[in-house]
C-alpha atoms as a PDB file:
ATOM      1  CA  UNK A   1     -23.594   5.065  15.154  1.00  0.00           C
ATOM      2  CA  UNK A   2     -22.115   7.486  12.534  1.00  0.00           C
ATOM      3  CA  UNK A   3     -18.500   7.619  12.116  1.00  0.00           C
ATOM      4  CA  UNK A   4     -17.044  11.157  11.901  1.00  0.00           C
ATOM      5  CA  UNK A   5     -15.702  12.309   8.651  1.00  0.00           C
ATOM      6  CA  UNK A   6     -12.172  13.432  10.354  1.00  0.00           C
ATOM      7  CA  UNK A   7     -11.919   9.705  11.646  1.00  0.00           C
ATOM      8  CA  UNK A   8     -12.564   8.286   8.145  1.00  0.00           C
ATOM      9  CA  UNK A   9     -10.112  10.965   6.558  1.00  0.00           C
ATOM     10  CA  UNK A  10      -7.228  10.034   9.253  1.00  0.00           C
ATOM     11  CA  UNK A  11      -7.969   6.274   8.658  1.00  0.00           C
ATOM     12  CA  UNK A  12      -7.688   6.831   5.027  1.00  0.00           C
ATOM     13  CA  UNK A  13      -4.540   8.587   5.346  1.00  0.00           C
ATOM     14  CA  UNK A  14      -3.062   5.998   7.916  1.00  0.00           C
ATOM     15  CA  UNK A  15      -4.022   2.999   5.381  1.00  0.00           C
ATOM     16  CA  UNK A  16      -2.280   4.831   2.806  1.00  0.00           C
ATOM     17  CA  UNK A  17       0.846   5.450   4.953  1.00  0.00           C
ATOM     18  CA  UNK A  18       0.701   1.701   5.742  1.00  0.00           C
ATOM     19  CA  UNK A  19       0.683   0.817   1.897  1.00  0.00           C
ATOM     20  CA  UNK A  20       3.416   3.427   1.037  1.00  0.00           C
ATOM     21  CA  UNK A  21       5.833   1.917   3.941  1.00  0.00           C
ATOM     22  CA  UNK A  22       5.063  -1.376   2.789  1.00  0.00           C
ATOM     23  CA  UNK A  23       5.915  -0.427  -0.796  1.00  0.00           C
ATOM     24  CA  UNK A  24       8.974   1.347   0.354  1.00  0.00           C
ATOM     25  CA  UNK A  25      10.187  -1.824   2.120  1.00  0.00           C
ATOM     26  CA  UNK A  26       9.677  -4.006  -0.873  1.00  0.00           C
ATOM     27  CA  UNK A  27      11.557  -1.365  -2.811  1.00  0.00           C
ATOM     28  CA  UNK A  28      14.527  -1.629  -0.629  1.00  0.00           C
ATOM     29  CA  UNK A  29      14.648  -5.226  -1.223  1.00  0.00           C
ATOM     30  CA  UNK A  30      14.608  -4.862  -5.000  1.00  0.00           C
ATOM     31  CA  UNK A  31      17.215  -2.138  -4.878  1.00  0.00           C
ATOM     32  CA  UNK A  32      19.513  -3.838  -2.542  1.00  0.00           C
ATOM     33  CA  UNK A  33      18.468  -7.684  -3.149  1.00  0.00           C
ATOM     34  CA  UNK A  34      21.834  -8.609  -4.748  1.00  0.00           C
ATOM     35  CA  UNK A  35      23.771  -7.141  -1.824  1.00  0.00           C
ATOM     36  CA  UNK A  36      21.429  -8.776   0.735  1.00  0.00           C
ATOM     37  CA  UNK A  37      20.847 -12.231  -0.842  1.00  0.00           C
ATOM     38  CA  UNK A  38      23.541 -12.495  -3.528  1.00  0.00           C
ATOM     39  CA  UNK A  39      22.978 -12.681  -7.164  1.00  0.00           C
ATOM     40  CA  UNK A  40      20.490 -15.357  -8.175  1.00  0.00           C
ATOM     41  CA  UNK A  41      21.205 -17.153 -11.247  1.00  0.00           C
ATOM     42  CA  UNK A  42      18.602 -20.090 -11.140  1.00  0.00           C
ATOM     43  CA  UNK A  43      15.097 -20.338 -11.779  1.00  0.00           C
ATOM     44  CA  UNK A  44      14.030 -19.493  -8.321  1.00  0.00           C
ATOM     45  CA  UNK A  45      14.726 -15.836  -8.570  1.00  0.00           C
ATOM     46  CA  UNK A  46      12.076 -15.005 -11.000  1.00  0.00           C
ATOM     47  CA  UNK A  47       9.705 -17.374  -8.989  1.00  0.00           C
ATOM     48  CA  UNK A  48      10.479 -15.536  -5.981  1.00  0.00           C
ATOM     49  CA  UNK A  49       9.665 -12.148  -7.503  1.00  0.00           C
ATOM     50  CA  UNK A  50       6.313 -13.497  -8.679  1.00  0.00           C
ATOM     51  CA  UNK A  51       5.449 -14.915  -5.181  1.00  0.00           C
ATOM     52  CA  UNK A  52       6.496 -11.622  -3.688  1.00  0.00           C
ATOM     53  CA  UNK A  53       4.425  -9.722  -5.993  1.00  0.00           C
ATOM     54  CA  UNK A  54       1.212 -12.143  -5.231  1.00  0.00           C
ATOM     55  CA  UNK A  55       1.806 -11.656  -1.437  1.00  0.00           C
ATOM     56  CA  UNK A  56       2.198  -7.757  -1.980  1.00  0.00           C
ATOM     57  CA  UNK A  57      -1.157  -7.727  -3.724  1.00  0.00           C
ATOM     58  CA  UNK A  58      -2.768  -9.570  -0.791  1.00  0.00           C
ATOM     59  CA  UNK A  59      -1.190  -7.377   1.987  1.00  0.00           C
ATOM     60  CA  UNK A  60      -1.935  -4.236   0.093  1.00  0.00           C
ATOM     61  CA  UNK A  61      -5.525  -5.554  -0.694  1.00  0.00           C
ATOM     62  CA  UNK A  62      -6.180  -6.257   2.924  1.00  0.00           C
ATOM     63  CA  UNK A  63      -4.427  -2.864   4.183  1.00  0.00           C
ATOM     64  CA  UNK A  64      -6.745  -0.813   1.837  1.00  0.00           C
ATOM     65  CA  UNK A  65      -9.877  -3.028   1.737  1.00  0.00           C
ATOM     66  CA  UNK A  66     -10.549  -4.741   5.092  1.00  0.00           C
ATOM     67  CA  UNK A  67     -11.768  -1.962   7.033  1.00  0.00           C
ATOM     68  CA  UNK A  68     -13.929  -0.926   4.351  1.00  0.00           C
ATOM     69  CA  UNK A  69     -15.317  -4.351   3.947  1.00  0.00           C
ATOM     70  CA  UNK A  70     -16.186  -4.353   7.508  1.00  0.00           C
ATOM     71  CA  UNK A  71     -18.213  -1.025   7.234  1.00  0.00           C
ATOM     72  CA  UNK A  72     -20.001  -2.060   4.281  1.00  0.00           C
ATOM     73  CA  UNK A  73     -21.452  -5.124   5.866  1.00  0.00           C
ATOM     74  CA  UNK A  74     -21.977  -3.234   9.075  1.00  0.00           C
ATOM     75  CA  UNK A  75     -24.539  -0.972   6.866  1.00  0.00           C
ATOM     76  CA  UNK A  76     -22.262   2.056   6.705  1.00  0.00           C
ATOM     77  CA  UNK A  77     -21.875   1.836   2.965  1.00  0.00           C
ATOM     78  CA  UNK A  78     -21.054   5.666   2.611  1.00  0.00           C
ATOM     79  CA  UNK A  79     -18.239   5.330   5.080  1.00  0.00           C
ATOM     80  CA  UNK A  80     -16.819   2.346   3.332  1.00  0.00           C
ATOM     81  CA  UNK A  81     -16.727   3.959   0.049  1.00  0.00           C
ATOM     82  CA  UNK A  82     -15.406   7.358   1.474  1.00  0.00           C
ATOM     83  CA  UNK A  83     -12.654   5.312   3.125  1.00  0.00           C
ATOM     84  CA  UNK A  84     -11.486   3.865  -0.110  1.00  0.00           C
ATOM     85  CA  UNK A  85     -11.583   7.108  -1.613  1.00  0.00           C
ATOM     86  CA  UNK A  86      -9.560   8.929   1.027  1.00  0.00           C
ATOM     87  CA  UNK A  87      -7.264   5.993   1.026  1.00  0.00           C
ATOM     88  CA  UNK A  88      -6.768   6.392  -2.741  1.00  0.00           C
ATOM     89  CA  UNK A  89      -6.211  10.224  -2.590  1.00  0.00           C
ATOM     90  CA  UNK A  90      -3.448   9.427   0.249  1.00  0.00           C
ATOM     91  CA  UNK A  91      -1.760   6.947  -1.873  1.00  0.00           C
ATOM     92  CA  UNK A  92      -1.655   9.237  -4.969  1.00  0.00           C
ATOM     93  CA  UNK A  93      -0.323  12.063  -2.443  1.00  0.00           C
ATOM     94  CA  UNK A  94       2.406   9.680  -1.530  1.00  0.00           C
ATOM     95  CA  UNK A  95       3.039   8.712  -5.075  1.00  0.00           C
ATOM     96  CA  UNK A  96       3.549  12.488  -5.727  1.00  0.00           C
ATOM     97  CA  UNK A  97       5.788  12.917  -3.077  1.00  0.00           C
ATOM     98  CA  UNK A  98       8.035  10.178  -4.209  1.00  0.00           C
ATOM     99  CA  UNK A  99       7.929  11.300  -7.768  1.00  0.00           C
ATOM    100  CA  UNK A 100       9.092  14.655  -6.682  1.00  0.00           C
ATOM    101  CA  UNK A 101      11.755  13.407  -4.343  1.00  0.00           C
ATOM    102  CA  UNK A 102      13.094  11.183  -7.312  1.00  0.00           C
ATOM    103  CA  UNK A 103      12.938  14.016  -9.747  1.00  0.00           C
ATOM    104  CA  UNK A 104      15.102  15.862  -7.130  1.00  0.00           C
ATOM    105  CA  UNK A 105      17.776  13.512  -7.020  1.00  0.00           C
ATOM    106  CA  UNK A 106      18.627  13.925 -10.601  1.00  0.00           C
END
């Protein structure tokens, strides 16, 4: 069974969107963390940030690499590589959109 190229492109874009939305959510926590949780003046503040970073790496890794992993071990190596590349392109496009938005605010 061959996966259509447009399906791979759409899946890559959707994975990039998922990671982008997750990053925006985590950014909201960083931006409004003091308002939400109050100031943290103890050791647990930095520890929480490191744990959040570790969980974020795990979540983003799963969002980006789980489907290509399954494709790769189903023998669809080209589709797996293409999916990672399309996801990367989508993430870079979201990065540029956020960068342009941020520049527009100043």
